[in-house]
Amino acid sequence: MKDFLRQSLINSFSLYLVSSIFPGLTVPRMVFSLIWAGIIFTLINRLVKPIIKLFLLPINLMTLGLFGWLANVLVLLIATRLIDTLTVAGFTSLAFSYSGFSVPPITFSPLIALIITSFLLSLTFNLLDRLLVED
């Protein structure tokens, strides 16, 4: 139970951090709603993710683990369907120019935004989990 609460709080904080730096993710701004979203996200990670990994096992074995990220994307997609205040939407990045090097504005579709959000959430969760682990 203690581990579940710790993971839920880390998921809530990860959702908040990623939404503050990534324009494609919007999360609830009220603390109670954000913690509730973290609890639901943790439940999906613990209950549904192993089943998704089991179904994706043949593809993952054929690609030597290249499609392991697909389980995280599907979990985030399920979470956005269950939590109505959690949304991932497409966006357009700003143009960038520095010392003759310029990057035009890039439009990200909702699918690409979902993949990037999933990657950032798993990276943030794992980093916070490693920092807060008890020895």
C-alpha atoms as a PDB file:
ATOM      1  CA  MET A   1       0.000   0.000   0.000  1.00  0.00           C
ATOM      2  CA  LYS A   2       2.868   2.335   0.858  1.00  0.00           C
ATOM      3  CA  ASP A   3       4.499   1.611  -2.498  1.00  0.00           C
ATOM      4  CA  PHE A   4       1.221   2.288  -4.329  1.00  0.00           C
ATOM      5  CA  LEU A   5       0.787   5.669  -2.612  1.00  0.00           C
ATOM      6  CA  ARG A   6       4.396   6.616  -3.360  1.00  0.00           C
ATOM      7  CA  GLN A   7       3.979   5.693  -7.032  1.00  0.00           C
ATOM      8  CA  SER A   8       0.691   7.594  -7.206  1.00  0.00           C
ATOM      9  CA  LEU A   9       2.247  10.754  -5.809  1.00  0.00           C
ATOM     10  CA  ILE A  10       5.250  10.422  -8.129  1.00  0.00           C
ATOM     11  CA  ASN A  11       2.893   9.920 -11.086  1.00  0.00           C
ATOM     12  CA  SER A  12       0.909  13.002 -10.062  1.00  0.00           C
ATOM     13  CA  PHE A  13       4.046  15.093  -9.796  1.00  0.00           C
ATOM     14  CA  SER A  14       5.349  13.683 -13.104  1.00  0.00           C
ATOM     15  CA  LEU A  15       2.096  14.641 -14.822  1.00  0.00           C
ATOM     16  CA  TYR A  16       2.387  18.152 -13.409  1.00  0.00           C
ATOM     17  CA  LEU A  17       6.066  18.546 -14.393  1.00  0.00           C
ATOM     18  CA  VAL A  18       5.597  17.279 -17.939  1.00  0.00           C
ATOM     19  CA  SER A  19       2.514  19.441 -18.464  1.00  0.00           C
ATOM     20  CA  SER A  20       4.427  22.519 -17.314  1.00  0.00           C
ATOM     21  CA  ILE A  21       7.234  22.020 -19.874  1.00  0.00           C
ATOM     22  CA  PHE A  22       5.399  20.262 -22.717  1.00  0.00           C
ATOM     23  CA  PRO A  23       2.572  22.127 -24.481  1.00  0.00           C
ATOM     24  CA  GLY A  24       0.815  19.000 -25.751  1.00  0.00           C
ATOM     25  CA  LEU A  25      -0.253  17.727 -22.308  1.00  0.00           C
ATOM     26  CA  THR A  26      -2.926  19.357 -20.185  1.00  0.00           C
ATOM     27  CA  VAL A  27      -3.668  18.106 -16.688  1.00  0.00           C
ATOM     28  CA  PRO A  28      -6.100  19.212 -13.984  1.00  0.00           C
ATOM     29  CA  ARG A  29      -4.808  22.231 -12.075  1.00  0.00           C
ATOM     30  CA  MET A  30      -6.569  21.463  -8.798  1.00  0.00           C
ATOM     31  CA  VAL A  31      -4.391  19.428  -6.444  1.00  0.00           C
ATOM     32  CA  PHE A  32      -7.075  16.889  -5.538  1.00  0.00           C
ATOM     33  CA  SER A  33      -7.900  16.245  -9.216  1.00  0.00           C
ATOM     34  CA  LEU A  34      -4.211  15.914 -10.048  1.00  0.00           C
ATOM     35  CA  ILE A  35      -3.677  13.382  -7.262  1.00  0.00           C
ATOM     36  CA  TRP A  36      -6.785  11.497  -8.400  1.00  0.00           C
ATOM     37  CA  ALA A  37      -5.374  11.422 -11.963  1.00  0.00           C
ATOM     38  CA  GLY A  38      -2.085  10.073 -10.564  1.00  0.00           C
ATOM     39  CA  ILE A  39      -3.944   7.317  -8.692  1.00  0.00           C
ATOM     40  CA  ILE A  40      -5.866   6.275 -11.803  1.00  0.00           C
ATOM     41  CA  PHE A  41      -2.687   6.415 -13.893  1.00  0.00           C
ATOM     42  CA  THR A  42      -0.912   4.197 -11.338  1.00  0.00           C
ATOM     43  CA  LEU A  43      -3.815   1.718 -11.339  1.00  0.00           C
ATOM     44  CA  ILE A  44      -3.659   1.502 -15.129  1.00  0.00           C
ATOM     45  CA  ASN A  45       0.109   1.011 -14.963  1.00  0.00           C
ATOM     46  CA  ARG A  46      -0.225  -1.786 -12.419  1.00  0.00           C
ATOM     47  CA  LEU A  47      -3.287  -3.600 -13.783  1.00  0.00           C
ATOM     48  CA  VAL A  48      -3.489  -3.015 -17.525  1.00  0.00           C
ATOM     49  CA  LYS A  49       0.150  -2.535 -18.540  1.00  0.00           C
ATOM     50  CA  PRO A  50       1.181  -6.183 -17.851  1.00  0.00           C
ATOM     51  CA  ILE A  51      -1.699  -7.386 -20.046  1.00  0.00           C
ATOM     52  CA  ILE A  52      -0.687  -4.992 -22.824  1.00  0.00           C
ATOM     53  CA  LYS A  53       2.926  -6.163 -22.555  1.00  0.00           C
ATOM     54  CA  LEU A  54       1.757  -9.761 -22.823  1.00  0.00           C
ATOM     55  CA  PHE A  55      -0.175  -9.024 -26.020  1.00  0.00           C
ATOM     56  CA  LEU A  56       2.774  -7.078 -27.462  1.00  0.00           C
ATOM     57  CA  LEU A  57       5.296  -9.781 -26.560  1.00  0.00           C
ATOM     58  CA  PRO A  58       5.526 -11.338 -30.059  1.00  0.00           C
ATOM     59  CA  ILE A  59       6.146  -7.955 -31.699  1.00  0.00           C
ATOM     60  CA  ASN A  60       8.609  -7.028 -28.986  1.00  0.00           C
ATOM     61  CA  LEU A  61      10.510 -10.285 -29.413  1.00  0.00           C
ATOM     62  CA  MET A  62      10.651  -9.956 -33.205  1.00  0.00           C
ATOM     63  CA  THR A  63      12.015  -6.419 -32.977  1.00  0.00           C
ATOM     64  CA  LEU A  64      14.392  -7.266 -30.100  1.00  0.00           C
ATOM     65  CA  GLY A  65      12.665  -4.898 -27.688  1.00  0.00           C
ATOM     66  CA  LEU A  66      12.285  -1.981 -30.074  1.00  0.00           C
ATOM     67  CA  PHE A  67       8.523  -1.753 -29.496  1.00  0.00           C
ATOM     68  CA  GLY A  68       8.668  -1.716 -25.688  1.00  0.00           C
ATOM     69  CA  TRP A  69       7.626   1.948 -25.738  1.00  0.00           C
ATOM     70  CA  LEU A  70       4.309   1.051 -27.347  1.00  0.00           C
ATOM     71  CA  ALA A  71       2.964  -0.274 -24.019  1.00  0.00           C
ATOM     72  CA  ASN A  72       3.586   3.123 -22.374  1.00  0.00           C
ATOM     73  CA  VAL A  73       1.818   4.901 -25.244  1.00  0.00           C
ATOM     74  CA  LEU A  74      -1.210   2.614 -24.957  1.00  0.00           C
ATOM     75  CA  VAL A  75      -1.353   3.109 -21.183  1.00  0.00           C
ATOM     76  CA  LEU A  76      -1.315   6.888 -21.664  1.00  0.00           C
ATOM     77  CA  LEU A  77      -4.018   6.602 -24.326  1.00  0.00           C
ATOM     78  CA  ILE A  78      -6.211   4.580 -21.949  1.00  0.00           C
ATOM     79  CA  ALA A  79      -5.563   7.109 -19.182  1.00  0.00           C
ATOM     80  CA  THR A  80      -6.627  10.012 -21.400  1.00  0.00           C
ATOM     81  CA  ARG A  81      -9.846   8.155 -22.224  1.00  0.00           C
ATOM     82  CA  LEU A  82     -10.637   7.432 -18.552  1.00  0.00           C
ATOM     83  CA  ILE A  83      -9.587  10.784 -17.067  1.00  0.00           C
ATOM     84  CA  ASP A  84     -11.545  13.497 -18.835  1.00  0.00           C
ATOM     85  CA  THR A  85      -9.352  16.346 -17.540  1.00  0.00           C
ATOM     86  CA  LEU A  86      -6.160  14.711 -18.851  1.00  0.00           C
ATOM     87  CA  THR A  87      -5.677  15.444 -22.552  1.00  0.00           C
ATOM     88  CA  VAL A  88      -2.896  15.082 -25.070  1.00  0.00           C
ATOM     89  CA  ALA A  89      -3.297  17.257 -28.148  1.00  0.00           C
ATOM     90  CA  GLY A  90      -1.242  18.129 -31.180  1.00  0.00           C
ATOM     91  CA  PHE A  91       0.613  21.429 -31.201  1.00  0.00           C
ATOM     92  CA  THR A  92       2.941  23.577 -33.271  1.00  0.00           C
ATOM     93  CA  SER A  93       6.400  24.390 -31.956  1.00  0.00           C
ATOM     94  CA  LEU A  94       7.912  27.817 -32.266  1.00  0.00           C
ATOM     95  CA  ALA A  95      10.501  28.729 -34.899  1.00  0.00           C
ATOM     96  CA  PHE A  96      14.081  28.888 -33.678  1.00  0.00           C
ATOM     97  CA  SER A  97      17.083  30.745 -35.105  1.00  0.00           C
ATOM     98  CA  TYR A  98      20.572  31.052 -33.681  1.00  0.00           C
ATOM     99  CA  SER A  99      23.787  32.100 -35.463  1.00  0.00           C
ATOM    100  CA  GLY A 100      22.538  31.251 -38.916  1.00  0.00           C
ATOM    101  CA  PHE A 101      21.019  27.938 -37.832  1.00  0.00           C
ATOM    102  CA  SER A 102      17.259  28.037 -38.110  1.00  0.00           C
ATOM    103  CA  VAL A 103      14.529  25.534 -37.372  1.00  0.00           C
ATOM    104  CA  PRO A 104      11.109  26.237 -38.863  1.00  0.00           C
ATOM    105  CA  PRO A 105       7.944  25.758 -36.821  1.00  0.00           C
ATOM    106  CA  ILE A 106       7.043  22.079 -36.638  1.00  0.00           C
ATOM    107  CA  THR A 107       3.484  20.813 -36.324  1.00  0.00           C
ATOM    108  CA  PHE A 108       3.131  17.706 -34.171  1.00  0.00           C
ATOM    109  CA  SER A 109       0.103  15.492 -34.716  1.00  0.00           C
ATOM    110  CA  PRO A 110      -1.795  14.135 -31.699  1.00  0.00           C
ATOM    111  CA  LEU A 111      -0.177  10.700 -32.207  1.00  0.00           C
ATOM    112  CA  ILE A 112       3.350  12.103 -32.161  1.00  0.00           C
ATOM    113  CA  ALA A 113       2.435  14.275 -29.170  1.00  0.00           C
ATOM    114  CA  LEU A 114       1.156  11.133 -27.409  1.00  0.00           C
ATOM    115  CA  ILE A 115       4.437   9.309 -28.088  1.00  0.00           C
ATOM    116  CA  ILE A 116       6.558  12.242 -26.881  1.00  0.00           C
ATOM    117  CA  THR A 117       4.369  12.710 -23.788  1.00  0.00           C
ATOM    118  CA  SER A 118       4.627   9.008 -22.961  1.00  0.00           C
ATOM    119  CA  PHE A 119       8.408   9.145 -23.263  1.00  0.00           C
ATOM    120  CA  LEU A 120       8.664  12.263 -21.083  1.00  0.00           C
ATOM    121  CA  LEU A 121       6.317  10.830 -18.436  1.00  0.00           C
ATOM    122  CA  SER A 122       8.248   7.567 -18.152  1.00  0.00           C
ATOM    123  CA  LEU A 123      11.565   9.444 -18.057  1.00  0.00           C
ATOM    124  CA  THR A 124      10.325  11.827 -15.350  1.00  0.00           C
ATOM    125  CA  PHE A 125       8.729   9.029 -13.301  1.00  0.00           C
ATOM    126  CA  ASN A 126      11.878   6.885 -13.407  1.00  0.00           C
ATOM    127  CA  LEU A 127      14.101   9.827 -12.501  1.00  0.00           C
ATOM    128  CA  LEU A 128      11.929  10.820  -9.532  1.00  0.00           C
ATOM    129  CA  ASP A 129      11.571   7.196  -8.450  1.00  0.00           C
ATOM    130  CA  ARG A 130      15.341   6.765  -8.415  1.00  0.00           C
ATOM    131  CA  LEU A 131      15.837   9.994  -6.477  1.00  0.00           C
ATOM    132  CA  LEU A 132      13.225   9.146  -3.842  1.00  0.00           C
ATOM    133  CA  VAL A 133      14.076   5.467  -3.345  1.00  0.00           C
ATOM    134  CA  GLU A 134      14.772   4.356   0.202  1.00  0.00           C
ATOM    135  CA  ASP A 135      17.984   2.387   0.803  1.00  0.00           C
END
